[in-house]
Protein backbone atom coordinates (compact mmCIF):
# COMPACT_ATOMS: atom_id res chain seq x y z
CA UNK A 1 207.17 149.10 213.27
CA UNK A 2 206.01 146.74 216.01
CA UNK A 3 208.75 145.97 218.53
CA UNK A 4 208.57 143.60 221.48
CA UNK A 5 211.12 144.17 224.25
CA UNK A 6 211.31 141.53 226.97
CA UNK A 7 212.94 142.54 230.23
CA UNK A 8 211.67 146.06 229.52
CA UNK A 9 212.00 147.23 233.13
CA UNK A 10 215.59 145.98 233.23
CA UNK A 11 218.68 148.12 232.88
CA UNK A 12 219.33 147.63 229.16
CA UNK A 13 215.68 147.05 228.26
CA UNK A 14 214.41 150.32 229.71
CA UNK A 15 217.23 152.33 228.14
CA UNK A 16 216.50 150.69 224.79
CA UNK A 17 212.81 151.60 224.99
CA UNK A 18 213.68 155.20 225.90
CA UNK A 19 215.98 155.47 222.91
CA UNK A 20 213.43 153.92 220.54
CA UNK A 21 210.79 156.37 221.72
CA UNK A 22 213.17 159.27 221.21
CA UNK A 23 214.87 158.47 217.91
CA UNK A 24 212.95 155.87 215.93
CA UNK A 25 211.54 157.44 212.74
CA UNK A 26 207.92 156.92 211.76
CA UNK A 27 205.16 155.31 213.77
CA UNK A 28 206.44 152.87 216.36
CA UNK A 29 204.50 150.50 218.58
CA UNK A 30 206.42 149.03 221.49
CA UNK A 31 205.24 146.38 223.90
CA UNK A 32 207.39 145.63 226.91
CA UNK A 33 207.13 142.67 229.26
CA UNK A 34 208.89 142.13 232.59
CA UNK A 35 208.08 140.01 235.64
CA UNK A 36 209.34 142.73 238.03
CA UNK A 37 210.97 140.18 240.32
CA UNK A 38 212.79 141.20 243.48
CA UNK A 39 216.26 139.97 242.55
CA UNK A 40 217.19 143.58 243.25
CA UNK A 41 215.32 146.67 244.46
CA UNK A 42 212.04 146.85 242.53
CA UNK A 43 211.97 150.63 243.08
CA UNK A 44 214.73 150.98 240.49
CA UNK A 45 212.65 149.03 237.96
CA UNK A 46 209.64 151.20 238.77
CA UNK A 47 211.79 154.31 238.32
CA UNK A 48 212.87 153.12 234.86
CA UNK A 49 209.24 152.49 233.86
CA UNK A 50 208.26 155.94 235.11
CA UNK A 51 210.95 157.47 232.90
CA UNK A 52 209.47 155.59 229.93
CA UNK A 53 205.98 156.88 230.75
CA UNK A 54 207.31 160.45 230.79
CA UNK A 55 208.99 159.92 227.42
CA UNK A 56 205.84 158.50 225.82
CA UNK A 57 203.91 161.72 226.52
CA UNK A 58 206.28 163.75 224.36
CA UNK A 59 206.34 161.37 221.38
CA UNK A 60 202.93 161.29 219.74
CA UNK A 61 203.97 158.91 216.94
CA UNK A 62 204.90 156.17 219.42
CA UNK A 63 202.71 153.89 221.48
CA UNK A 64 203.87 151.98 224.53
CA UNK A 65 202.25 149.17 226.46
CA UNK A 66 203.73 147.40 229.47
CA UNK A 67 202.76 143.90 230.53
CA UNK A 68 203.75 142.52 233.90
CA UNK A 69 204.41 138.87 233.18
CA UNK A 70 206.94 136.09 232.93
CA UNK A 71 208.28 134.82 229.59
CA UNK A 72 208.35 131.35 231.21
CA UNK A 73 204.53 131.52 231.02
CA UNK A 74 204.05 129.97 227.57
CA UNK A 75 200.32 130.77 227.15
CA UNK A 76 201.04 134.42 227.98
CA UNK A 77 203.89 134.60 225.46
CA UNK A 78 201.79 132.91 222.77
CA UNK A 79 198.89 135.32 223.34
CA UNK A 80 201.24 138.28 223.22
CA UNK A 81 202.67 137.23 219.86
CA UNK A 82 199.21 136.40 218.48
CA UNK A 83 197.70 139.74 219.50
CA UNK A 84 200.64 142.09 218.89
CA UNK A 85 202.35 140.35 215.95
CA UNK A 86 205.82 141.84 216.59
CA UNK A 87 208.11 142.42 213.63
CA UNK A 88 211.21 142.75 215.80
CA UNK A 89 211.76 140.93 219.09
CA UNK A 90 214.51 142.03 221.46
CA UNK A 91 214.81 139.41 224.19
CA UNK A 92 216.59 140.94 227.17
CA UNK A 93 214.61 139.12 229.86
CA UNK A 94 216.94 136.85 231.80
CA UNK A 95 218.06 136.03 235.28
CA UNK A 96 221.40 137.79 235.46
CA UNK A 97 224.39 137.45 237.74
CA UNK A 98 227.16 134.87 238.02
CA UNK A 99 227.22 134.46 241.80
CA UNK A 100 223.44 134.20 242.21
CA UNK A 101 223.44 131.26 239.78
CA UNK A 102 225.51 129.30 242.28
CA UNK A 103 222.91 129.64 245.05
CA UNK A 104 219.64 129.85 243.11
CA UNK A 105 219.97 127.85 239.86
CA UNK A 106 216.21 127.33 239.46
CA UNK A 107 215.73 130.98 238.49
CA UNK A 108 218.18 130.60 235.60
CA UNK A 109 216.58 127.47 234.21
CA UNK A 110 213.13 129.06 234.32
CA UNK A 111 213.96 132.40 232.73
CA UNK A 112 217.04 131.78 230.60
CA UNK A 113 216.14 128.37 229.20
CA UNK A 114 212.37 127.82 229.45
CA UNK A 115 211.62 131.49 228.87
CA UNK A 116 213.90 131.73 225.87
CA UNK A 117 212.47 128.50 224.45
CA UNK A 118 209.00 130.07 224.66
CA UNK A 119 210.23 133.11 222.73
CA UNK A 120 211.79 130.92 220.04
CA UNK A 121 208.60 128.85 219.68
CA UNK A 122 206.50 132.01 219.42
CA UNK A 123 208.84 133.33 216.71
CA UNK A 124 208.54 130.02 214.87
CA UNK A 125 204.76 130.08 214.90
CA UNK A 126 204.60 133.77 213.95
CA UNK A 127 204.94 132.57 210.32
CA UNK A 128 201.96 130.19 210.53
CA UNK A 129 199.26 130.66 207.92
CA UNK A 130 201.56 132.65 205.64
CA UNK A 131 201.92 135.51 208.12
CA UNK A 132 204.81 137.96 207.74
CA UNK A 133 206.07 136.93 211.17
CA UNK A 134 209.14 138.06 213.09
CA UNK A 135 211.71 139.68 210.81
CA UNK A 136 214.48 139.67 213.42
CA UNK A 137 215.05 138.18 216.85
CA UNK A 138 217.79 139.94 218.80
CA UNK A 139 218.71 138.42 222.15
CA UNK A 140 221.12 139.02 224.99
CA UNK A 141 224.02 136.68 225.45
CA UNK A 142 226.98 137.51 227.70
CA UNK A 143 230.74 137.81 227.84
CA UNK A 144 230.48 135.12 230.54
CA UNK A 145 230.32 132.48 227.79
CA UNK A 146 234.08 132.91 227.30
CA UNK A 147 234.69 131.42 230.76
CA UNK A 148 238.37 131.26 231.65
CA UNK A 149 239.47 131.66 228.02
CA UNK A 150 243.10 132.79 228.14
CA UNK A 151 243.17 134.18 224.59
CA UNK A 152 242.40 137.90 224.50
CA UNK A 153 240.67 139.81 223.13
CA UNK A 154 237.69 137.47 223.12
CA UNK A 155 236.48 136.71 219.61
CA UNK A 156 233.14 135.26 218.57
CA UNK A 157 235.21 132.72 216.61
CA UNK A 158 236.67 131.36 219.85
CA UNK A 159 235.54 128.00 221.21
CA UNK A 160 233.31 128.59 224.24
CA UNK A 161 232.48 125.11 225.47
CA UNK A 162 233.81 125.40 229.02
CA UNK A 163 231.55 127.70 231.07
CA UNK A 164 232.57 128.35 234.68
CA UNK A 165 229.07 129.23 235.93
CA UNK A 166 225.51 128.08 235.31
CA UNK A 167 224.67 131.59 234.15
CA UNK A 168 227.30 131.32 231.41
CA UNK A 169 226.02 127.85 230.50
CA UNK A 170 222.48 129.17 230.02
CA UNK A 171 223.70 131.99 227.80
CA UNK A 172 225.73 129.63 225.62
CA UNK A 173 222.63 127.43 225.47
CA UNK A 174 220.64 130.41 224.19
CA UNK A 175 223.07 130.79 221.30
CA UNK A 176 222.83 127.09 220.45
CA UNK A 177 219.03 127.10 220.66
CA UNK A 178 218.79 130.20 218.47
CA UNK A 179 221.10 128.64 215.89
CA UNK A 180 218.95 125.49 215.72
CA UNK A 181 215.75 127.50 215.30
CA UNK A 182 217.37 129.73 212.67
CA UNK A 183 218.37 126.64 210.71
CA UNK A 184 215.12 124.72 211.13
CA UNK A 185 212.62 127.56 210.74
CA UNK A 186 214.59 130.26 208.91
CA UNK A 187 214.27 132.73 211.80
CA UNK A 188 216.78 135.61 211.47
CA UNK A 189 218.44 135.89 214.86
CA UNK A 190 221.38 137.77 216.34
CA UNK A 191 222.96 137.12 219.73
CA UNK A 192 224.79 139.91 221.54
CA UNK A 193 227.54 139.17 224.03
CA UNK A 194 227.44 142.15 226.38
CA UNK A 195 230.55 143.10 228.37
CA UNK A 196 230.10 144.49 231.93
CA UNK A 197 227.39 147.08 231.33
CA UNK A 198 227.23 150.07 233.68
CA UNK A 199 225.54 153.46 233.99
CA UNK A 200 222.76 155.40 235.77
CA UNK A 201 219.91 153.32 237.24
CA UNK A 202 221.92 150.16 236.65
CA UNK A 203 221.79 146.86 238.50
CA UNK A 204 222.65 147.11 242.22
CA UNK A 205 224.34 143.70 242.10
CA UNK A 206 227.03 145.04 239.77
CA UNK A 207 230.35 145.94 241.39
CA UNK A 208 230.29 149.71 240.83
CA UNK A 209 226.80 150.01 242.33
CA UNK A 210 227.50 147.67 245.25
CA UNK A 211 230.79 149.46 246.00
CA UNK A 212 228.95 152.79 246.08
CA UNK A 213 226.32 151.51 248.50
CA UNK A 214 228.96 150.06 250.84
CA UNK A 215 231.24 153.10 250.75
CA UNK A 216 228.34 155.41 251.46
CA UNK A 217 227.37 153.25 254.45
CA UNK A 218 230.94 153.21 255.77
CA UNK A 219 231.34 149.50 255.02
CA UNK A 220 234.39 147.74 253.59
CA UNK A 221 234.40 146.77 249.92
CA UNK A 222 236.03 143.54 248.77
CA UNK A 223 238.16 143.76 245.65
CA UNK A 224 238.54 140.27 244.23
CA UNK A 225 241.66 138.61 242.87
CA UNK A 226 243.60 141.19 244.92
CA UNK A 227 242.63 143.83 242.39
CA UNK A 228 244.18 141.94 239.47
CA UNK A 229 240.95 141.73 237.50
CA UNK A 230 240.35 143.55 234.24
CA UNK A 231 236.92 144.30 232.86
CA UNK A 232 235.73 145.68 229.55
CA UNK A 233 233.31 148.16 231.17
CA UNK A 234 230.71 149.24 228.60
CA UNK A 235 228.47 152.25 229.10
CA UNK A 236 224.77 151.49 228.69
CA UNK A 237 224.23 154.07 225.92
CA UNK A 238 226.88 152.31 223.82
CA UNK A 239 225.11 148.99 224.37
CA UNK A 240 221.79 150.50 223.26
CA UNK A 241 223.37 152.08 220.18
CA UNK A 242 224.69 148.68 219.18
CA UNK A 243 221.35 146.95 219.77
CA UNK A 244 219.47 149.49 217.64
CA UNK A 245 221.89 149.29 214.73
CA UNK A 246 221.78 145.50 214.80
CA UNK A 247 218.02 145.13 215.14
CA UNK A 248 217.57 147.05 211.87
CA UNK A 249 219.90 144.74 209.96
CA UNK A 250 218.85 141.12 210.27
CA UNK A 251 221.05 138.31 208.92
CA UNK A 252 220.00 137.57 205.33
CA UNK A 253 217.95 134.52 204.48
CA UNK A 254 219.84 132.47 201.89
CA UNK A 255 219.79 128.89 200.66
CA UNK A 256 222.72 126.52 200.54
CA UNK A 257 223.82 124.28 197.69
CA UNK A 258 221.36 121.65 198.93
CA UNK A 259 218.49 124.09 198.45
CA UNK A 260 217.84 124.21 202.19
CA UNK A 261 218.06 127.45 204.20
CA UNK A 262 221.40 128.52 205.59
CA UNK A 263 220.79 129.63 209.17
CA UNK A 264 220.27 133.43 209.15
CA UNK A 265 222.23 133.69 212.37
CA UNK A 266 224.94 135.90 213.85
CA UNK A 267 226.66 136.64 217.16
CA UNK A 268 228.52 139.85 218.07
CA UNK A 269 230.48 141.18 221.00
CA UNK A 270 229.45 144.59 222.32
CA UNK A 271 232.21 145.80 224.61
CA UNK A 272 234.47 148.78 225.08
CA UNK A 273 237.50 146.93 223.61
CA UNK A 274 239.62 148.54 226.35
CA UNK A 275 239.70 146.58 229.62
CA UNK A 276 240.30 148.54 232.83
CA UNK A 277 242.12 147.28 235.90
CA UNK A 278 239.65 146.92 238.78
CA UNK A 279 241.77 149.01 241.17
CA UNK A 280 241.94 151.85 238.63
CA UNK A 281 238.21 151.55 238.09
CA UNK A 282 237.51 151.82 241.82
CA UNK A 283 239.83 154.82 242.11
CA UNK A 284 237.94 156.68 239.35
CA UNK A 285 234.62 155.70 240.93
CA UNK A 286 235.75 157.11 244.28
CA UNK A 287 236.81 160.38 242.65
CA UNK A 288 233.49 160.77 240.86
CA UNK A 289 231.48 159.94 244.00
CA UNK A 290 233.37 162.67 245.84
CA UNK A 291 232.82 165.07 242.94
CA UNK A 292 229.06 164.35 243.02
CA UNK A 293 229.06 164.78 246.82
CA UNK A 294 227.92 161.21 247.39
CA UNK A 295 231.05 160.81 249.55
CA UNK A 296 232.76 163.57 251.58
CA UNK A 297 235.95 165.09 250.19
CA UNK A 298 238.04 163.67 253.05
CA UNK A 299 236.73 160.10 252.69
CA UNK A 300 239.36 157.56 253.82
CA UNK A 301 239.11 155.13 250.95
CA UNK A 302 242.06 152.93 251.97
CA UNK A 303 240.37 152.20 255.30
CA UNK A 304 237.33 150.81 253.49
CA UNK A 305 238.84 148.41 250.97
CA UNK A 306 240.01 144.82 251.29
CA UNK A 307 241.91 142.83 248.66
CA UNK A 308 240.63 139.23 248.60
CA UNK A 309 241.08 136.08 246.44
CA UNK A 310 239.07 135.30 243.30
CA UNK A 311 235.58 133.95 243.94
CA UNK A 312 233.90 130.93 242.29
CA UNK A 313 232.47 131.55 238.82
CA UNK A 314 234.45 134.73 238.24
CA UNK A 315 237.12 135.27 235.58
CA UNK A 316 240.26 137.44 235.73
CA UNK A 317 239.69 139.37 232.51
CA UNK A 318 237.01 140.26 229.99
CA UNK A 319 238.08 141.88 226.72
CA UNK A 320 235.91 142.19 223.61
CA UNK A 321 237.08 141.86 220.03
CA UNK A 322 234.68 144.30 218.35
CA UNK A 323 236.12 144.14 214.82
CA UNK A 324 233.05 142.34 213.38
CA UNK A 325 230.74 144.94 214.95
CA UNK A 326 232.79 147.73 213.42
CA UNK A 327 232.94 145.96 210.04
CA UNK A 328 229.22 145.21 209.75
CA UNK A 329 227.68 148.19 211.51
CA UNK A 330 230.33 150.92 211.56
CA UNK A 331 230.12 151.16 215.30
CA UNK A 332 232.40 150.68 218.29
CA UNK A 333 231.58 151.56 221.93
CA UNK A 334 233.64 154.57 222.94
CA UNK A 335 232.31 156.23 226.12
CA UNK A 336 235.28 156.88 228.46
CA UNK A 337 235.04 155.21 231.86
CA UNK A 338 235.24 158.48 233.79
CA UNK A 339 232.43 160.02 231.76
CA UNK A 340 230.19 157.02 232.37
CA UNK A 341 230.94 156.82 236.09
CA UNK A 342 230.35 160.56 236.43
CA UNK A 343 226.85 160.16 235.03
CA UNK A 344 226.23 157.24 237.38
CA UNK A 345 227.42 159.21 240.42
CA UNK A 346 225.19 162.16 239.50
CA UNK A 347 222.18 159.88 239.10
CA UNK A 348 222.95 158.07 242.36
CA UNK A 349 222.91 161.35 244.29
CA UNK A 350 219.60 162.41 242.74
CA UNK A 351 217.95 159.02 243.37
CA UNK A 352 219.18 158.23 246.87
CA UNK A 353 220.12 161.51 248.55
């Protein structure tokens, strides 16, 4: 199998590659692409790639190639598809983060819209000349598309036409673009709405990672909406398990009554289906940081926290309806929050201390 993973040095991308190298049966060829930008510490991306290189050495039936490049570079993407001829494309490359989209919107237009368009066009032309082409395009969407939706849990049947950030708008645009290409060119595609992914070697801009950095430095952490936020925290291994199950089961190509293709298109939530209060989350994080000896046992947590109002672009709750995921793939994320934060705290100590 030939698999292309974009955003391969990213949090989810690198963990997906590691899992494919470990568990995928038969001969597997994986090409990863990432622009290695400095949105956050590049050393973490380099660490993830080094872990992949270690894994490759112990799996003789797998080949791995990494390309440093930007999916917004159309000639590069076209050459990659022409030379590698991927059967499965997992598009995880994107500019992430709600707050950053408020101050630096250009990055989101380039990566999330232009870059994704280039991937769709390359998938379209992969069938030229009677070629087998891409059998399945899997791409990252986000729980952010639900905006300030008051109905919970969030269902993929809900209307999501009122984004509260540019980041969310680009992710909803990805779903619309993929639907159009699925309809026009019969490209099997599946969008995945990820819910607050966390774990070892994660993104430093995520709350749990940023809180840890600040607490370790003796700084005060800000807990938004006075702690009245709830998040469907989803451990990265659960996300990867969902991606792998889905990538092997593309939406079926069928024709409608008019003889034209029905769009082979689907969207799923991947979340823990059990939102945690932010204050409870921070309390568990503190306990696990003390357990891992990242923080001293007598750390005065109350002296280092501040309850503040909601910030622009944020939402008070995220909560995934995972019934369709369970129905179609027999899978539901289940890693307990404490277990996931314990693994993060252990990794943090090894990486930084």
